[in-house]
């Protein structure tokens, strides 16, 4: 028999891993979109389609977890998503803010 506490811990771990997986898919899709579609002809349309697809996947997953369990599992899933985001930002070296480059083309008011 599985203890109820252990079952709750296992379901929270599963929700966390699902959030991490969704974060990986979401940010991989974002990277692919920004990397490969920047110079394409219909880049704005393709970017918007990518955004809608990524948000729909994420929203549907959150909805399913909320319907099948409770808000604690949703928060655990979102925590996994955010941890993947922080990990990727630090791993790729994008966690710092960079000042805008001076182009000399600013408008004077």
N, C-alpha and C. Protein backbone atom coordinates (compact mmCIF):
# COMPACT_ATOMS: atom_id res chain seq x y z
N UNK A 1 0.83 -1.19 0.00
CA UNK A 1 0.00 0.00 0.00
C UNK A 1 0.87 1.25 0.00
N UNK A 2 0.38 2.25 -0.67
CA UNK A 2 1.08 3.53 -0.71
C UNK A 2 0.48 4.44 0.35
N UNK A 3 1.35 5.01 1.15
CA UNK A 3 0.91 5.95 2.17
C UNK A 3 0.39 7.22 1.49
N UNK A 4 -0.64 7.83 2.09
CA UNK A 4 -1.21 9.04 1.48
C UNK A 4 -0.21 10.19 1.45
N UNK A 5 0.62 10.31 2.47
CA UNK A 5 1.64 11.36 2.45
C UNK A 5 2.62 11.14 1.31
N UNK A 6 3.03 9.89 1.13
CA UNK A 6 3.96 9.59 0.05
C UNK A 6 3.29 9.84 -1.30
N UNK A 7 2.01 9.50 -1.43
CA UNK A 7 1.30 9.76 -2.68
C UNK A 7 1.23 11.24 -2.96
N UNK A 8 0.99 12.05 -1.95
CA UNK A 8 0.93 13.49 -2.15
C UNK A 8 2.30 14.03 -2.55
N UNK A 9 3.35 13.52 -1.94
CA UNK A 9 4.69 13.97 -2.30
C UNK A 9 5.01 13.55 -3.74
N UNK A 10 4.65 12.31 -4.11
CA UNK A 10 4.90 11.86 -5.48
C UNK A 10 4.10 12.67 -6.49
N UNK A 11 2.88 13.04 -6.16
CA UNK A 11 2.09 13.84 -7.09
C UNK A 11 2.64 15.25 -7.20
N UNK A 12 3.18 15.79 -6.11
CA UNK A 12 3.81 17.11 -6.18
C UNK A 12 5.09 17.08 -7.00
N UNK A 13 5.87 16.00 -6.85
CA UNK A 13 7.08 15.85 -7.66
C UNK A 13 6.70 15.72 -9.13
N UNK A 14 5.64 14.98 -9.43
CA UNK A 14 5.19 14.84 -10.82
C UNK A 14 4.73 16.19 -11.37
N UNK A 15 4.04 16.98 -10.57
CA UNK A 15 3.61 18.30 -11.02
C UNK A 15 4.81 19.21 -11.25
N UNK A 16 5.81 19.14 -10.39
CA UNK A 16 7.02 19.93 -10.56
C UNK A 16 7.75 19.54 -11.84
N UNK A 17 7.88 18.23 -12.08
CA UNK A 17 8.56 17.77 -13.29
C UNK A 17 7.77 18.13 -14.54
N UNK A 18 6.45 18.10 -14.46
CA UNK A 18 5.63 18.52 -15.59
C UNK A 18 5.84 20.00 -15.88
N UNK A 19 5.91 20.81 -14.84
CA UNK A 19 6.19 22.23 -15.01
C UNK A 19 7.55 22.47 -15.62
N UNK A 20 8.55 21.70 -15.19
CA UNK A 20 9.89 21.84 -15.75
C UNK A 20 9.90 21.42 -17.22
N UNK A 21 9.19 20.35 -17.55
CA UNK A 21 9.10 19.91 -18.94
C UNK A 21 8.40 20.97 -19.79
N UNK A 22 7.31 21.52 -19.29
CA UNK A 22 6.61 22.58 -20.02
C UNK A 22 7.48 23.82 -20.18
N UNK A 23 8.26 24.15 -19.15
CA UNK A 23 9.18 25.27 -19.25
C UNK A 23 10.23 25.03 -20.32
N UNK A 24 10.75 23.82 -20.38
CA UNK A 24 11.71 23.49 -21.42
C UNK A 24 11.12 23.59 -22.81
N UNK A 25 9.90 23.09 -22.98
CA UNK A 25 9.23 23.19 -24.28
C UNK A 25 8.93 24.63 -24.63
N UNK A 26 8.42 25.39 -23.66
CA UNK A 26 8.04 26.78 -23.90
C UNK A 26 9.26 27.61 -24.31
N UNK A 27 10.33 27.51 -23.55
CA UNK A 27 11.50 28.35 -23.83
C UNK A 27 12.30 27.84 -25.03
N UNK A 28 12.23 26.55 -25.32
CA UNK A 28 12.85 26.05 -26.55
C UNK A 28 12.10 26.59 -27.76
N UNK A 29 10.78 26.61 -27.66
CA UNK A 29 9.98 27.18 -28.74
C UNK A 29 10.25 28.66 -28.92
N UNK A 30 10.43 29.38 -27.81
CA UNK A 30 10.75 30.80 -27.89
C UNK A 30 12.11 31.01 -28.53
N UNK A 31 13.09 30.22 -28.14
CA UNK A 31 14.43 30.35 -28.71
C UNK A 31 14.40 30.05 -30.20
N UNK A 32 13.70 28.97 -30.57
CA UNK A 32 13.60 28.61 -31.98
C UNK A 32 12.95 29.74 -32.78
N UNK A 33 11.88 30.30 -32.24
CA UNK A 33 11.19 31.38 -32.92
C UNK A 33 12.09 32.59 -33.12
N UNK A 34 12.74 33.02 -32.07
CA UNK A 34 13.58 34.21 -32.17
C UNK A 34 14.84 33.97 -32.99
N UNK A 35 15.35 32.77 -32.94
CA UNK A 35 16.60 32.47 -33.65
C UNK A 35 16.39 32.28 -35.15
N UNK A 36 15.36 31.56 -35.52
CA UNK A 36 15.19 31.19 -36.92
C UNK A 36 14.22 32.07 -37.69
N UNK A 37 13.35 32.79 -37.01
CA UNK A 37 12.34 33.54 -37.73
C UNK A 37 12.62 35.04 -37.80
N UNK A 38 13.77 35.47 -37.31
CA UNK A 38 14.05 36.90 -37.28
C UNK A 38 14.18 37.49 -38.67
N UNK A 39 14.68 36.73 -39.62
CA UNK A 39 14.90 37.28 -40.96
C UNK A 39 13.94 36.70 -41.99
N UNK A 40 12.91 36.04 -41.57
CA UNK A 40 11.95 35.47 -42.50
C UNK A 40 10.96 36.53 -42.97
N UNK A 41 10.29 36.25 -44.06
CA UNK A 41 9.38 37.22 -44.66
C UNK A 41 8.17 37.51 -43.78
N UNK A 42 7.55 36.48 -43.25
CA UNK A 42 6.35 36.64 -42.42
C UNK A 42 6.70 36.46 -40.94
N UNK A 43 7.77 37.08 -40.51
CA UNK A 43 8.27 36.83 -39.16
C UNK A 43 7.27 37.26 -38.08
N UNK A 44 6.57 38.35 -38.27
CA UNK A 44 5.61 38.80 -37.25
C UNK A 44 4.47 37.81 -37.11
N UNK A 45 3.93 37.36 -38.21
CA UNK A 45 2.84 36.38 -38.17
C UNK A 45 3.31 35.07 -37.55
N UNK A 46 4.49 34.61 -37.95
CA UNK A 46 5.00 33.37 -37.40
C UNK A 46 5.30 33.50 -35.91
N UNK A 47 5.80 34.66 -35.50
CA UNK A 47 6.04 34.88 -34.08
C UNK A 47 4.73 34.84 -33.29
N UNK A 48 3.70 35.48 -33.82
CA UNK A 48 2.41 35.48 -33.12
C UNK A 48 1.81 34.07 -33.06
N UNK A 49 1.94 33.31 -34.13
CA UNK A 49 1.46 31.93 -34.11
C UNK A 49 2.22 31.09 -33.10
N UNK A 50 3.52 31.30 -33.03
CA UNK A 50 4.32 30.58 -32.04
C UNK A 50 3.91 30.95 -30.62
N UNK A 51 3.67 32.24 -30.40
CA UNK A 51 3.24 32.70 -29.08
C UNK A 51 1.90 32.08 -28.69
N UNK A 52 0.96 32.09 -29.62
CA UNK A 52 -0.36 31.52 -29.33
C UNK A 52 -0.24 30.02 -29.06
N UNK A 53 0.58 29.32 -29.84
CA UNK A 53 0.74 27.88 -29.64
C UNK A 53 1.38 27.58 -28.28
N UNK A 54 2.43 28.33 -27.93
CA UNK A 54 3.09 28.10 -26.65
C UNK A 54 2.17 28.42 -25.47
N UNK A 55 1.43 29.52 -25.58
CA UNK A 55 0.51 29.90 -24.50
C UNK A 55 -0.67 28.93 -24.39
N UNK A 56 -1.15 28.44 -25.53
CA UNK A 56 -2.25 27.47 -25.51
C UNK A 56 -1.81 26.17 -24.84
N UNK A 57 -0.60 25.70 -25.17
CA UNK A 57 -0.08 24.49 -24.54
C UNK A 57 0.05 24.67 -23.04
N UNK A 58 0.62 25.79 -22.64
CA UNK A 58 0.81 26.06 -21.21
C UNK A 58 -0.52 26.22 -20.49
N UNK A 59 -1.42 26.97 -21.09
CA UNK A 59 -2.74 27.17 -20.47
C UNK A 59 -3.53 25.88 -20.36
N UNK A 60 -3.47 25.05 -21.39
CA UNK A 60 -4.18 23.77 -21.36
C UNK A 60 -3.61 22.85 -20.29
N UNK A 61 -2.30 22.83 -20.16
CA UNK A 61 -1.67 21.98 -19.13
C UNK A 61 -2.06 22.47 -17.73
N UNK A 62 -2.04 23.77 -17.51
CA UNK A 62 -2.44 24.30 -16.20
C UNK A 62 -3.91 23.97 -15.93
N UNK A 63 -4.75 24.10 -16.94
CA UNK A 63 -6.16 23.77 -16.78
C UNK A 63 -6.35 22.30 -16.42
N UNK A 64 -5.65 21.41 -17.12
CA UNK A 64 -5.78 19.98 -16.83
C UNK A 64 -5.33 19.64 -15.42
N UNK A 65 -4.22 20.22 -15.00
CA UNK A 65 -3.73 19.94 -13.64
C UNK A 65 -4.72 20.48 -12.62
N UNK A 66 -5.28 21.64 -12.88
CA UNK A 66 -6.24 22.23 -11.94
C UNK A 66 -7.51 21.40 -11.86
N UNK A 67 -7.97 20.88 -12.99
CA UNK A 67 -9.19 20.07 -12.99
C UNK A 67 -8.95 18.72 -12.31
N UNK A 68 -7.77 18.12 -12.55
CA UNK A 68 -7.52 16.79 -12.02
C UNK A 68 -7.02 16.79 -10.58
N UNK A 69 -6.53 17.92 -10.09
CA UNK A 69 -6.05 17.95 -8.71
C UNK A 69 -6.46 19.28 -8.08
N UNK A 70 -5.55 19.96 -7.43
CA UNK A 70 -5.91 21.20 -6.75
C UNK A 70 -4.88 22.29 -7.04
N UNK A 71 -5.05 23.44 -6.44
CA UNK A 71 -4.21 24.60 -6.72
C UNK A 71 -2.77 24.41 -6.25
N UNK A 72 -2.54 23.55 -5.26
CA UNK A 72 -1.18 23.30 -4.79
C UNK A 72 -0.35 22.66 -5.89
N UNK A 73 -0.94 21.76 -6.63
CA UNK A 73 -0.24 21.13 -7.74
C UNK A 73 0.03 22.13 -8.87
N UNK A 74 -0.89 23.04 -9.09
CA UNK A 74 -0.67 24.08 -10.11
C UNK A 74 0.48 24.98 -9.69
N UNK A 75 0.52 25.38 -8.43
CA UNK A 75 1.62 26.21 -7.96
C UNK A 75 2.96 25.47 -8.04
N UNK A 76 2.95 24.19 -7.75
CA UNK A 76 4.17 23.39 -7.86
C UNK A 76 4.61 23.30 -9.31
N UNK A 77 3.65 23.16 -10.22
CA UNK A 77 3.98 23.11 -11.64
C UNK A 77 4.55 24.45 -12.11
N UNK A 78 3.98 25.55 -11.67
CA UNK A 78 4.48 26.88 -12.03
C UNK A 78 5.88 27.10 -11.44
N UNK A 79 6.12 26.57 -10.25
CA UNK A 79 7.45 26.67 -9.66
C UNK A 79 8.49 25.94 -10.52
N UNK A 80 8.14 24.76 -11.02
CA UNK A 80 9.04 24.05 -11.92
C UNK A 80 9.30 24.82 -13.19
N UNK A 81 8.28 25.46 -13.72
CA UNK A 81 8.41 26.29 -14.92
C UNK A 81 9.35 27.46 -14.68
N UNK A 82 9.20 28.14 -13.54
CA UNK A 82 10.03 29.31 -13.22
C UNK A 82 11.47 28.89 -12.96
N UNK A 83 11.67 27.76 -12.31
CA UNK A 83 13.04 27.30 -12.04
C UNK A 83 13.76 26.98 -13.35
N UNK A 84 13.06 26.41 -14.32
CA UNK A 84 13.68 26.17 -15.63
C UNK A 84 14.04 27.49 -16.28
N UNK A 85 13.19 28.49 -16.17
CA UNK A 85 13.47 29.81 -16.74
C UNK A 85 14.73 30.41 -16.12
N UNK A 86 14.80 30.38 -14.78
CA UNK A 86 15.98 30.92 -14.10
C UNK A 86 17.23 30.15 -14.48
N UNK A 87 17.13 28.83 -14.55
CA UNK A 87 18.28 28.01 -14.93
C UNK A 87 18.76 28.36 -16.33
N UNK A 88 17.83 28.49 -17.27
CA UNK A 88 18.23 28.81 -18.65
C UNK A 88 18.83 30.20 -18.75
N UNK A 89 18.28 31.16 -18.02
CA UNK A 89 18.84 32.51 -18.06
C UNK A 89 20.27 32.53 -17.52
N UNK A 90 20.50 31.82 -16.45
CA UNK A 90 21.86 31.78 -15.89
C UNK A 90 22.80 30.95 -16.75
N UNK A 91 22.30 29.88 -17.29
CA UNK A 91 23.13 29.01 -18.13
C UNK A 91 23.54 29.71 -19.42
N UNK A 92 22.64 30.48 -20.00
CA UNK A 92 22.94 31.18 -21.24
C UNK A 92 23.59 32.54 -21.01
N UNK A 93 23.72 32.94 -19.76
CA UNK A 93 24.36 34.21 -19.45
C UNK A 93 23.50 35.42 -19.72
N UNK A 94 22.19 35.27 -19.65
CA UNK A 94 21.28 36.38 -19.93
C UNK A 94 20.64 36.94 -18.67
N UNK A 95 21.15 36.58 -17.52
CA UNK A 95 20.52 37.00 -16.28
C UNK A 95 20.87 38.43 -15.91
N UNK A 96 21.85 39.01 -16.55
CA UNK A 96 22.20 40.39 -16.26
C UNK A 96 21.54 41.31 -17.27
N UNK A 97 21.36 42.55 -16.90
CA UNK A 97 20.78 43.50 -17.83
C UNK A 97 21.90 44.25 -18.52
N UNK A 98 21.73 44.48 -19.77
CA UNK A 98 22.73 45.16 -20.57
C UNK A 98 22.21 46.53 -20.94
N UNK A 99 23.07 47.57 -20.87
CA UNK A 99 22.61 48.90 -21.28
C UNK A 99 22.40 48.96 -22.79
N UNK A 100 21.50 49.81 -23.19
CA UNK A 100 21.25 49.98 -24.61
C UNK A 100 22.46 50.63 -25.27
N UNK A 101 22.74 50.23 -26.47
CA UNK A 101 23.88 50.78 -27.19
C UNK A 101 23.52 52.18 -27.69
N UNK A 102 24.49 53.07 -27.66
CA UNK A 102 24.29 54.41 -28.17
C UNK A 102 24.50 54.40 -29.67
N UNK A 103 23.48 54.79 -30.43
CA UNK A 103 23.58 54.77 -31.88
C UNK A 103 23.80 56.16 -32.45
N UNK A 104 23.58 57.19 -31.66
CA UNK A 104 23.75 58.54 -32.14
C UNK A 104 22.58 59.04 -32.97
N UNK A 105 21.49 58.27 -33.00
CA UNK A 105 20.33 58.66 -33.81
C UNK A 105 19.13 59.02 -32.95
N UNK A 106 19.36 59.45 -31.73
CA UNK A 106 18.25 59.80 -30.86
C UNK A 106 17.63 61.12 -31.33
N UNK A 107 16.35 61.23 -31.08
CA UNK A 107 15.66 62.48 -31.41
C UNK A 107 15.85 63.48 -30.31
N UNK A 108 16.00 64.70 -30.68
CA UNK A 108 16.08 65.75 -29.67
C UNK A 108 14.72 66.43 -29.58
N UNK A 109 14.24 66.62 -28.35
CA UNK A 109 12.90 67.20 -28.17
C UNK A 109 12.97 68.69 -28.06
